[in-house]
N, C-alpha and C. Protein backbone atom coordinates (compact mmCIF):
# COMPACT_ATOMS: atom_id res chain seq x y z
N MET A 1 23.75 53.19 134.68
CA MET A 1 25.27 53.06 135.31
C MET A 1 25.47 54.70 135.30
N ASP A 2 26.44 55.06 136.28
CA ASP A 2 26.52 56.49 136.18
C ASP A 2 27.97 56.51 135.75
N GLU A 3 28.19 58.08 135.41
CA GLU A 3 29.70 58.33 134.70
C GLU A 3 30.72 57.64 135.43
N THR A 4 30.83 57.64 136.70
CA THR A 4 31.86 57.28 137.42
C THR A 4 32.21 55.74 137.20
N GLU A 5 30.84 55.14 137.35
CA GLU A 5 31.20 53.80 137.15
C GLU A 5 31.43 53.33 135.77
N GLN A 6 31.15 54.02 134.83
CA GLN A 6 31.55 53.76 133.37
C GLN A 6 33.06 54.20 133.21
N LEU A 7 33.46 55.08 133.86
CA LEU A 7 34.78 55.63 133.63
C LEU A 7 35.79 54.46 134.42
N ALA A 8 35.46 53.95 135.55
CA ALA A 8 36.02 52.93 136.27
C ALA A 8 36.26 51.79 135.14
N GLY A 9 35.11 51.49 134.38
CA GLY A 9 35.11 50.43 133.50
C GLY A 9 36.15 50.78 132.26
N PHE A 10 36.02 51.84 131.84
CA PHE A 10 36.97 52.30 130.98
C PHE A 10 38.51 52.17 131.29
N VAL A 11 38.84 52.42 132.65
CA VAL A 11 40.06 52.24 133.11
C VAL A 11 40.33 50.90 133.11
N PHE A 12 39.53 49.83 133.51
CA PHE A 12 39.78 48.49 133.44
C PHE A 12 39.84 48.06 132.04
N GLU A 13 39.17 48.56 131.10
CA GLU A 13 39.40 48.22 129.81
C GLU A 13 40.90 48.58 129.29
N MET A 14 41.27 49.80 129.64
CA MET A 14 42.75 50.00 129.00
C MET A 14 43.69 49.29 129.62
N GLY A 15 43.29 48.55 130.89
CA GLY A 15 44.39 47.50 131.44
C GLY A 15 44.78 46.46 130.49
N LEU A 16 43.68 46.06 129.37
CA LEU A 16 43.92 45.06 128.78
C LEU A 16 45.07 45.16 127.75
N LEU A 17 45.45 46.56 127.40
CA LEU A 17 46.37 46.79 126.58
C LEU A 17 47.82 46.25 127.48
N LYS A 18 48.00 46.15 128.60
CA LYS A 18 49.14 45.48 129.44
C LYS A 18 49.25 44.14 128.90
N ARG A 19 48.09 43.57 128.61
CA ARG A 19 47.98 42.10 128.39
C ARG A 19 48.05 41.62 126.97
N TYR A 20 47.67 42.62 126.14
CA TYR A 20 47.60 42.04 124.94
C TYR A 20 48.86 42.34 124.14
N LYS A 21 49.51 41.27 123.48
CA LYS A 21 50.81 41.44 123.00
C LYS A 21 50.60 41.94 121.44
N ARG A 22 51.67 42.60 121.01
CA ARG A 22 51.84 43.02 119.60
C ARG A 22 52.23 41.70 118.70
N THR A 23 51.08 41.57 118.07
CA THR A 23 50.95 40.34 117.02
C THR A 23 52.12 40.21 115.90
N GLY A 24 52.49 41.36 115.38
CA GLY A 24 53.58 41.35 114.43
C GLY A 24 54.77 40.67 114.98
N TRP A 25 55.13 41.06 116.05
CA TRP A 25 56.30 40.31 116.61
C TRP A 25 56.17 38.81 116.79
N LEU A 26 55.06 38.33 116.99
CA LEU A 26 54.86 37.00 117.25
C LEU A 26 55.07 36.36 115.81
N VAL A 27 54.68 37.18 114.74
CA VAL A 27 54.76 36.73 113.42
C VAL A 27 56.48 36.58 113.19
N ALA A 28 56.88 37.57 113.48
CA ALA A 28 58.50 37.42 113.39
C ALA A 28 59.24 36.62 114.17
N GLY A 29 58.58 35.72 114.96
CA GLY A 29 59.33 34.78 115.90
C GLY A 29 59.55 35.34 117.33
N VAL A 30 59.20 36.41 117.72
CA VAL A 30 59.73 36.75 118.89
C VAL A 30 58.86 36.13 119.96
N ALA A 31 59.37 35.45 120.77
CA ALA A 31 58.90 34.45 121.87
C ALA A 31 57.92 35.15 122.84
N ASP A 32 58.47 36.31 123.54
CA ASP A 32 57.58 36.95 124.48
C ASP A 32 57.71 38.42 123.90
N PRO A 33 56.69 38.67 123.12
CA PRO A 33 56.66 40.27 122.61
C PRO A 33 56.22 41.16 123.29
N GLU A 34 56.51 42.39 123.20
CA GLU A 34 55.95 43.42 123.97
C GLU A 34 54.37 43.70 123.99
N SER A 35 53.83 44.25 125.07
CA SER A 35 52.62 44.39 125.09
C SER A 35 52.09 45.86 124.27
N ILE A 36 50.98 46.06 123.87
CA ILE A 36 50.42 47.23 123.30
C ILE A 36 50.72 48.30 124.17
N ALA A 37 50.57 48.25 125.44
CA ALA A 37 50.98 49.13 126.43
C ALA A 37 52.41 49.65 126.38
N ASP A 38 53.15 48.49 126.27
CA ASP A 38 54.48 48.72 126.48
C ASP A 38 54.89 49.56 125.20
N HIS A 39 54.48 49.27 123.99
CA HIS A 39 54.55 50.10 122.77
C HIS A 39 54.13 51.61 122.78
N SER A 40 52.90 51.85 123.49
CA SER A 40 52.17 52.88 123.46
C SER A 40 52.94 53.90 124.46
N PHE A 41 53.68 53.28 125.51
CA PHE A 41 54.35 54.34 126.59
C PHE A 41 55.73 54.94 125.82
N ARG A 42 56.43 53.95 125.20
CA ARG A 42 57.67 54.56 124.36
C ARG A 42 57.12 55.29 123.29
N ALA A 43 56.26 55.21 122.58
CA ALA A 43 55.78 56.09 121.35
C ALA A 43 55.06 57.47 121.99
N ALA A 44 54.78 57.42 123.27
CA ALA A 44 54.31 58.52 123.74
C ALA A 44 55.63 59.48 124.18
N VAL A 45 56.72 58.96 124.73
CA VAL A 45 57.99 59.36 124.97
C VAL A 45 58.52 59.88 123.70
N LEU A 46 58.38 59.27 122.70
CA LEU A 46 59.14 59.60 121.40
C LEU A 46 58.30 60.68 120.94
N ALA A 47 56.95 60.67 120.94
CA ALA A 47 56.32 61.84 120.28
C ALA A 47 56.50 62.97 120.93
N SER A 48 56.89 63.11 122.17
CA SER A 48 56.92 64.41 122.83
C SER A 48 58.29 64.96 122.57
N VAL A 49 59.39 63.96 122.29
CA VAL A 49 60.60 64.39 122.20
C VAL A 49 60.82 64.99 120.47
N LEU A 50 59.98 64.31 119.51
CA LEU A 50 59.97 64.51 118.31
C LEU A 50 59.30 65.95 118.16
N ALA A 51 58.24 66.14 118.80
CA ALA A 51 57.36 67.24 118.89
C ALA A 51 58.49 68.50 119.35
N ALA A 52 58.98 68.40 120.31
CA ALA A 52 59.85 69.23 120.79
C ALA A 52 60.95 69.81 119.70
N LEU A 53 61.56 68.69 119.04
CA LEU A 53 62.56 68.83 118.04
C LEU A 53 62.04 69.72 116.76
N GLU A 54 60.57 69.34 116.49
CA GLU A 54 59.93 69.85 115.36
C GLU A 54 59.16 71.12 115.65
N GLY A 55 59.21 71.84 116.94
CA GLY A 55 58.59 73.10 117.20
C GLY A 55 57.05 72.80 117.30
N ALA A 56 56.67 71.63 117.48
CA ALA A 56 55.35 71.42 117.83
C ALA A 56 55.04 71.24 119.39
N ASP A 57 53.78 70.90 120.01
CA ASP A 57 53.46 71.03 121.07
C ASP A 57 53.87 69.37 121.82
N PRO A 58 54.89 69.34 122.47
CA PRO A 58 55.06 67.87 122.93
C PRO A 58 54.03 67.43 123.93
N GLU A 59 53.33 67.97 124.69
CA GLU A 59 52.32 67.61 125.51
C GLU A 59 51.18 66.84 124.81
N ARG A 60 51.00 67.76 123.69
CA ARG A 60 49.62 67.16 122.80
C ARG A 60 50.01 66.04 122.10
N ALA A 61 51.31 66.17 121.53
CA ALA A 61 51.84 64.88 120.79
C ALA A 61 51.81 63.64 121.47
N ALA A 62 52.36 63.74 122.59
CA ALA A 62 52.26 62.73 123.66
C ALA A 62 51.15 61.91 123.82
N LEU A 63 50.08 62.96 124.03
CA LEU A 63 48.65 62.58 124.36
C LEU A 63 48.07 61.74 123.19
N LEU A 64 48.50 62.37 121.99
CA LEU A 64 47.85 61.86 120.61
C LEU A 64 48.24 60.34 120.72
N SER A 65 49.67 60.15 120.97
CA SER A 65 50.38 59.04 120.81
C SER A 65 49.87 57.87 122.08
N LEU A 66 49.63 58.42 123.12
CA LEU A 66 49.01 57.67 124.41
C LEU A 66 47.76 56.96 123.75
N PHE A 67 46.87 57.47 123.15
CA PHE A 67 45.75 57.02 122.86
C PHE A 67 45.47 56.34 121.56
N HIS A 68 46.69 56.33 120.72
CA HIS A 68 46.72 56.01 119.26
C HIS A 68 46.20 54.47 118.92
N ASP A 69 46.44 53.62 120.06
CA ASP A 69 46.27 52.12 119.85
C ASP A 69 45.01 51.69 120.90
N SER A 70 44.44 52.46 121.44
CA SER A 70 43.53 52.26 122.83
C SER A 70 42.28 51.37 122.30
N GLN A 71 42.03 51.58 121.03
CA GLN A 71 40.85 50.64 120.29
C GLN A 71 41.38 49.33 120.31
N GLU A 72 42.53 49.08 120.48
CA GLU A 72 42.79 47.59 120.47
C GLU A 72 42.47 46.74 121.46
N THR A 73 41.75 47.31 122.59
CA THR A 73 41.03 46.57 123.81
C THR A 73 40.05 45.82 123.21
N ARG A 74 39.53 46.42 121.98
CA ARG A 74 38.37 45.87 121.54
C ARG A 74 38.71 44.98 120.14
N LEU A 75 39.82 45.65 119.55
CA LEU A 75 39.95 45.07 118.03
C LEU A 75 41.09 44.09 117.98
N THR A 76 41.83 44.11 119.27
CA THR A 76 43.24 43.52 119.24
C THR A 76 44.15 44.09 118.36
N ASP A 77 45.31 43.47 118.30
CA ASP A 77 46.40 44.13 117.47
C ASP A 77 46.44 43.14 116.32
N LEU A 78 45.71 43.32 115.15
CA LEU A 78 45.86 42.73 114.03
C LEU A 78 47.19 42.84 113.23
N PRO A 79 47.78 41.79 112.83
CA PRO A 79 48.85 41.65 112.27
C PRO A 79 48.72 42.04 110.88
N TYR A 80 49.56 42.68 110.17
CA TYR A 80 49.57 43.18 108.75
C TYR A 80 48.85 42.10 107.87
N LEU A 81 49.29 40.90 108.08
CA LEU A 81 48.91 39.42 107.48
C LEU A 81 47.43 39.30 107.24
N ALA A 82 46.80 39.94 108.34
CA ALA A 82 45.25 39.80 108.32
C ALA A 82 44.50 40.95 107.71
N LYS A 83 45.09 42.11 107.32
CA LYS A 83 44.32 43.09 106.90
C LYS A 83 43.69 43.11 105.67
N PRO A 84 44.19 42.41 104.74
CA PRO A 84 43.58 42.20 103.62
C PRO A 84 42.18 41.06 103.78
N TYR A 85 42.18 40.41 104.86
CA TYR A 85 40.88 39.43 105.06
C TYR A 85 39.94 39.94 106.05
N VAL A 86 40.48 41.03 106.87
CA VAL A 86 39.49 41.50 107.88
C VAL A 86 39.02 42.88 107.58
N THR A 87 37.72 43.02 107.74
CA THR A 87 37.12 44.56 107.62
C THR A 87 36.88 44.90 109.12
N LYS A 88 37.51 45.86 109.33
CA LYS A 88 37.16 46.47 111.00
C LYS A 88 36.78 47.96 110.87
N ALA A 89 36.38 48.14 112.12
CA ALA A 89 35.80 49.36 112.31
C ALA A 89 36.95 50.50 112.44
N SER A 90 36.59 51.54 112.13
CA SER A 90 37.61 52.80 112.02
C SER A 90 38.01 52.99 113.65
N ASN A 91 38.96 53.50 113.90
CA ASN A 91 39.53 53.69 115.41
C ASN A 91 38.78 54.83 115.94
N GLU A 92 38.12 55.84 114.96
CA GLU A 92 37.37 56.61 115.68
C GLU A 92 36.00 56.26 116.00
N HIS A 93 35.64 55.18 115.15
CA HIS A 93 34.18 54.38 115.52
C HIS A 93 34.21 53.60 116.79
N VAL A 94 35.42 52.98 116.93
CA VAL A 94 35.75 52.18 118.06
C VAL A 94 35.77 53.22 119.22
N THR A 95 36.47 54.37 119.07
CA THR A 95 36.52 55.45 120.19
C THR A 95 35.36 55.93 120.71
N ALA A 96 34.41 56.20 119.88
CA ALA A 96 32.87 56.64 120.04
C ALA A 96 32.21 55.89 120.88
N HIS A 97 32.41 54.53 120.79
CA HIS A 97 31.75 53.58 121.68
C HIS A 97 32.32 53.29 122.80
N GLN A 98 33.61 53.43 122.90
CA GLN A 98 34.22 53.39 124.35
C GLN A 98 33.98 54.63 125.07
N MET A 99 33.52 55.77 124.44
CA MET A 99 33.15 56.93 125.39
C MET A 99 31.95 56.95 125.76
N GLN A 100 30.91 56.17 125.06
CA GLN A 100 29.64 56.11 125.61
C GLN A 100 29.67 56.20 127.28
N GLY A 101 29.02 57.02 127.83
CA GLY A 101 28.53 57.18 129.23
C GLY A 101 29.73 57.74 129.89
N LEU A 102 30.89 58.11 129.49
CA LEU A 102 31.92 58.62 130.00
C LEU A 102 31.57 60.24 130.37
N PRO A 103 32.26 60.66 131.64
CA PRO A 103 31.91 62.25 131.45
C PRO A 103 32.44 62.78 130.21
N ASP A 104 31.51 63.80 130.09
CA ASP A 104 31.71 64.54 128.82
C ASP A 104 33.15 64.98 128.45
N VAL A 105 33.81 65.59 129.61
CA VAL A 105 35.13 66.39 129.49
C VAL A 105 36.13 65.01 129.15
N VAL A 106 35.84 63.93 129.69
CA VAL A 106 36.94 62.96 129.36
C VAL A 106 36.58 62.19 127.88
N ALA A 107 35.30 62.00 127.47
CA ALA A 107 34.98 61.98 126.27
C ALA A 107 35.65 62.75 125.03
N ARG A 108 35.48 64.07 125.35
CA ARG A 108 35.96 65.03 124.35
C ARG A 108 37.44 64.88 124.23
N LEU A 109 38.06 64.70 125.35
CA LEU A 109 39.59 64.58 125.49
C LEU A 109 40.10 63.64 124.64
N ILE A 110 39.55 62.51 124.97
CA ILE A 110 40.07 61.25 124.19
C ILE A 110 39.56 61.11 122.72
N THR A 111 38.45 61.57 122.51
CA THR A 111 37.92 61.46 120.94
C THR A 111 38.73 62.61 120.31
N GLY A 112 38.93 63.80 120.76
CA GLY A 112 39.82 64.94 120.12
C GLY A 112 41.08 64.37 119.87
N ALA A 113 41.64 63.48 120.75
CA ALA A 113 43.03 63.10 120.50
C ALA A 113 43.21 62.07 119.35
N VAL A 114 42.10 61.00 119.51
CA VAL A 114 42.21 59.99 118.51
C VAL A 114 41.56 60.72 117.07
N ASP A 115 40.87 61.60 117.05
CA ASP A 115 40.29 62.41 115.56
C ASP A 115 41.53 62.99 115.24
N GLU A 116 42.30 63.71 115.93
CA GLU A 116 43.43 64.46 115.53
C GLU A 116 44.54 63.33 115.04
N TYR A 117 44.75 62.49 115.64
CA TYR A 117 45.74 61.53 115.38
C TYR A 117 45.59 60.86 114.16
N GLU A 118 44.29 60.49 113.80
CA GLU A 118 43.67 59.78 112.67
C GLU A 118 43.58 60.81 111.41
N GLY A 119 43.44 62.01 111.73
CA GLY A 119 43.53 63.05 110.63
C GLY A 119 44.75 63.35 110.02
N LYS A 120 46.05 63.13 110.55
CA LYS A 120 47.11 63.16 110.10
C LYS A 120 47.61 64.46 109.75
N GLU A 121 47.12 65.54 110.12
CA GLU A 121 47.38 66.85 109.55
C GLU A 121 47.99 67.77 110.45
N SER A 122 47.89 67.72 111.71
CA SER A 122 48.58 68.91 112.82
C SER A 122 49.85 68.17 112.63
N LEU A 123 50.98 69.33 113.11
CA LEU A 123 52.22 68.77 113.46
C LEU A 123 52.37 67.74 114.47
N GLU A 124 51.63 67.78 115.48
CA GLU A 124 51.62 67.04 116.49
C GLU A 124 51.03 65.74 115.97
N ALA A 125 50.18 65.44 115.19
CA ALA A 125 49.55 64.24 114.89
C ALA A 125 50.95 63.64 113.72
N VAL A 126 51.64 64.32 113.22
CA VAL A 126 52.61 63.77 112.32
C VAL A 126 53.60 63.33 113.40
N CYS A 127 53.94 64.05 114.29
CA CYS A 127 55.02 63.58 115.03
C CYS A 127 54.66 62.32 115.99
N ALA A 128 53.27 62.18 116.42
CA ALA A 128 52.72 60.87 117.03
C ALA A 128 52.70 59.85 116.07
N ARG A 129 52.38 60.07 114.93
CA ARG A 129 52.70 59.01 113.75
C ARG A 129 54.03 58.46 113.66
N ASP A 130 54.86 59.47 113.43
CA ASP A 130 56.39 59.14 113.35
C ASP A 130 56.73 58.49 114.54
N ALA A 131 56.40 58.72 115.69
CA ALA A 131 56.64 58.26 117.02
C ALA A 131 56.35 56.76 117.12
N ASP A 132 54.91 56.50 116.51
CA ASP A 132 54.67 55.12 116.46
C ASP A 132 55.44 54.23 115.62
N LYS A 133 56.06 54.58 114.34
CA LYS A 133 56.84 53.94 113.65
C LYS A 133 58.15 53.99 114.05
N LEU A 134 58.71 54.79 114.56
CA LEU A 134 60.06 55.05 115.05
C LEU A 134 60.05 54.06 116.33
N GLU A 135 59.22 53.86 117.31
CA GLU A 135 58.97 52.81 118.08
C GLU A 135 59.22 51.45 117.68
N CYS A 136 58.54 51.33 116.47
CA CYS A 136 58.58 49.95 115.99
C CYS A 136 60.09 49.60 115.57
N LEU A 137 60.77 50.48 114.96
CA LEU A 137 61.99 50.44 114.63
C LEU A 137 62.91 50.22 115.63
N ILE A 138 63.01 50.98 116.72
CA ILE A 138 63.91 50.86 117.79
C ILE A 138 63.51 49.32 118.29
N GLN A 139 62.32 49.05 118.45
CA GLN A 139 62.07 47.71 119.39
C GLN A 139 62.55 46.64 118.33
N ALA A 140 62.49 46.78 116.98
CA ALA A 140 63.14 45.84 116.09
C ALA A 140 64.28 45.68 116.38
N ILE A 141 65.32 46.91 116.20
CA ILE A 141 66.55 46.65 116.66
C ILE A 141 66.96 45.86 117.94
N GLU A 142 65.99 46.28 119.05
CA GLU A 142 66.26 45.54 120.17
C GLU A 142 66.24 44.05 120.26
N TYR A 143 64.97 43.71 119.42
CA TYR A 143 64.83 42.23 119.12
C TYR A 143 65.74 41.58 118.60
N GLY A 144 66.56 42.39 117.55
CA GLY A 144 67.58 41.74 116.69
C GLY A 144 68.66 41.56 117.41
N ASP A 145 69.09 42.42 118.73
CA ASP A 145 70.08 42.48 119.51
C ASP A 145 70.03 41.25 120.43
N GLN A 146 68.77 40.55 120.36
CA GLN A 146 68.54 39.51 121.34
C GLN A 146 68.44 38.27 120.43
N GLY A 147 68.88 38.33 119.20
CA GLY A 147 68.95 37.22 118.44
C GLY A 147 67.94 37.03 117.41
N ASN A 148 67.08 37.77 117.16
CA ASN A 148 65.96 37.41 116.37
C ASN A 148 66.42 37.96 114.95
N ARG A 149 66.15 37.20 114.01
CA ARG A 149 66.89 37.58 112.75
C ARG A 149 65.79 38.02 111.61
N ASN A 150 64.62 38.11 112.13
CA ASN A 150 63.37 38.22 111.25
C ASN A 150 63.05 39.85 111.42
N ILE A 151 63.83 40.63 111.66
CA ILE A 151 63.37 41.92 112.08
C ILE A 151 63.49 43.10 110.94
N LYS A 152 64.52 42.72 109.87
CA LYS A 152 64.63 43.75 108.84
C LYS A 152 63.41 44.27 108.14
N PRO A 153 62.59 43.29 107.79
CA PRO A 153 61.43 43.99 107.08
C PRO A 153 60.60 45.37 108.30
N TRP A 154 60.73 44.98 109.43
CA TRP A 154 60.09 45.87 110.30
C TRP A 154 60.65 47.14 110.38
N ILE A 155 62.02 47.14 110.19
CA ILE A 155 63.12 48.26 110.19
C ILE A 155 62.76 48.96 109.29
N GLU A 156 62.72 48.32 107.85
CA GLU A 156 62.61 49.01 106.57
C GLU A 156 61.19 49.60 106.33
N SER A 157 60.04 49.06 106.79
CA SER A 157 58.86 49.55 106.42
C SER A 157 58.66 50.87 107.69
N SER A 158 59.03 50.75 108.72
CA SER A 158 58.94 51.88 109.53
C SER A 158 59.98 52.90 109.08
N LEU A 159 61.08 52.77 108.80
CA LEU A 159 61.84 53.69 108.25
C LEU A 159 61.32 54.53 107.03
N ALA A 160 60.79 53.70 106.15
CA ALA A 160 60.04 54.39 105.00
C ALA A 160 58.83 55.01 105.39
N GLN A 161 58.12 55.12 106.37
CA GLN A 161 57.15 55.82 106.53
C GLN A 161 57.28 57.03 107.48
N LEU A 162 58.49 57.26 108.01
CA LEU A 162 58.78 58.41 108.85
C LEU A 162 58.82 59.79 107.80
N ARG A 163 58.07 60.73 108.53
CA ARG A 163 57.86 61.88 107.67
C ARG A 163 58.80 63.37 108.33
N THR A 164 59.17 63.35 109.71
CA THR A 164 59.85 64.43 109.96
C THR A 164 61.23 64.18 109.91
N GLU A 165 62.05 65.25 109.85
CA GLU A 165 63.62 65.06 109.88
C GLU A 165 64.06 64.55 111.06
N SER A 166 63.36 65.02 112.36
CA SER A 166 64.11 64.55 113.27
C SER A 166 63.56 63.03 113.74
N ALA A 167 62.69 62.46 113.10
CA ALA A 167 62.73 61.15 113.28
C ALA A 167 63.39 60.24 112.45
N LYS A 168 63.75 60.85 111.49
CA LYS A 168 64.65 60.04 110.36
C LYS A 168 65.84 60.12 110.96
N ARG A 169 66.48 61.29 111.59
CA ARG A 169 67.83 61.44 112.03
C ARG A 169 67.87 60.39 113.46
N LEU A 170 66.93 60.51 114.18
CA LEU A 170 66.81 59.64 115.32
C LEU A 170 66.78 58.04 114.81
N ALA A 171 66.22 57.66 113.91
CA ALA A 171 66.28 56.40 113.27
C ALA A 171 67.42 55.91 112.87
N HIS A 172 68.13 56.59 112.04
CA HIS A 172 69.55 56.37 111.60
C HIS A 172 70.45 56.37 112.58
N GLN A 173 70.31 56.96 113.43
CA GLN A 173 71.43 57.06 114.81
C GLN A 173 70.99 55.62 115.45
N ALA A 174 69.84 55.39 115.87
CA ALA A 174 69.49 54.16 116.57
C ALA A 174 69.99 52.97 115.80
N MET A 175 69.97 53.00 114.59
CA MET A 175 70.35 51.80 113.73
C MET A 175 72.05 51.83 113.75
N GLU A 176 72.58 52.86 114.23
CA GLU A 176 74.06 52.77 114.21
C GLU A 176 74.64 52.75 115.81
N THR A 177 73.55 52.69 116.66
CA THR A 177 74.13 52.92 118.01
C THR A 177 73.70 51.51 118.85
N GLY A 178 74.71 51.11 119.50
CA GLY A 178 74.27 49.82 120.06
C GLY A 178 73.18 49.97 121.18
N THR A 179 72.25 49.19 121.49
CA THR A 179 71.14 49.28 122.47
C THR A 179 71.49 49.46 123.93
N LEU A 180 72.80 49.04 124.07
CA LEU A 180 73.27 49.30 125.63
C LEU A 180 74.47 50.34 125.56
N ASP A 181 74.69 51.02 124.62
CA ASP A 181 75.65 51.84 124.63
C ASP A 181 75.35 53.00 125.58
N TRP A 182 74.09 53.38 126.03
CA TRP A 182 73.79 54.50 126.84
C TRP A 182 74.20 54.01 128.19
N ALA A 183 73.93 52.71 128.61
CA ALA A 183 74.34 52.20 129.87
C ALA A 183 75.84 52.07 130.26
N PHE A 184 76.58 51.77 128.97
CA PHE A 184 78.09 51.85 129.18
C PHE A 184 78.50 53.16 129.53
N ARG A 185 78.23 54.15 128.71
CA ARG A 185 78.37 55.68 129.00
C ARG A 185 77.90 55.98 130.48
N ALA A 186 76.67 55.71 130.78
CA ALA A 186 76.56 55.91 132.24
C ALA A 186 77.31 55.24 133.50
N LEU A 187 77.74 54.15 133.12
CA LEU A 187 78.63 53.53 133.93
C LEU A 187 80.20 54.17 133.83
N SER A 188 80.33 54.56 132.86
CA SER A 188 81.75 55.22 132.92
C SER A 188 81.82 56.73 133.13
N ASP A 189 80.76 57.21 133.28
CA ASP A 189 80.51 58.75 133.68
C ASP A 189 81.20 58.91 134.96
N ASP A 190 82.37 59.87 135.13
CA ASP A 190 82.57 60.08 136.35
C ASP A 190 81.83 60.94 137.28
N SER A 191 80.92 61.71 136.78
CA SER A 191 79.86 62.48 137.36
C SER A 191 78.82 61.63 138.04
N THR A 192 78.70 60.26 137.97
CA THR A 192 77.81 59.52 138.80
C THR A 192 78.51 59.05 139.77
N GLU A 193 79.77 59.04 140.01
CA GLU A 193 80.14 58.50 141.24
C GLU A 193 80.33 59.37 142.49
N SER A 194 80.08 58.87 143.54
CA SER A 194 79.71 59.51 144.63
C SER A 194 81.25 59.86 145.56
């Protein structure tokens, strides 16, 4: 199989993330939870924002965040309840297998992003990891506004894991802001009228 054929397969594999649901939300009783890709998109947006606020490289942080759950095409999204009972390969190991046969430049890009994210040392990795937790917290608030009463543990555990001051400030503000306040402001803003 040539590299382009392998790359096409990788692109289809990443498409699984659009179909796989985040299982923690199933445990919380959310009837139709977000997909892994849904989570990764907003996490990448948050990573770039946090990186800009923290003086890191927003593009790098977004890249790390974009690939932080890419291994779940093969591992799926294991809920925390399963972790004591399941031994799984490291994300770096899974990524190495996913990269086999891909063009070297692509393999280095993705492997480097995953290794940096998992290394937890660069400011971009810290921002990307905070974005992962902050996105979970924000999603929990949204599910709470939709009537789910089981979201408090997700908010508390996400909040406890944030490291950057920017993420902590944004988390506290999100907990105080209505999920549609932005829409009401946009509708009442005179500058949007023609």
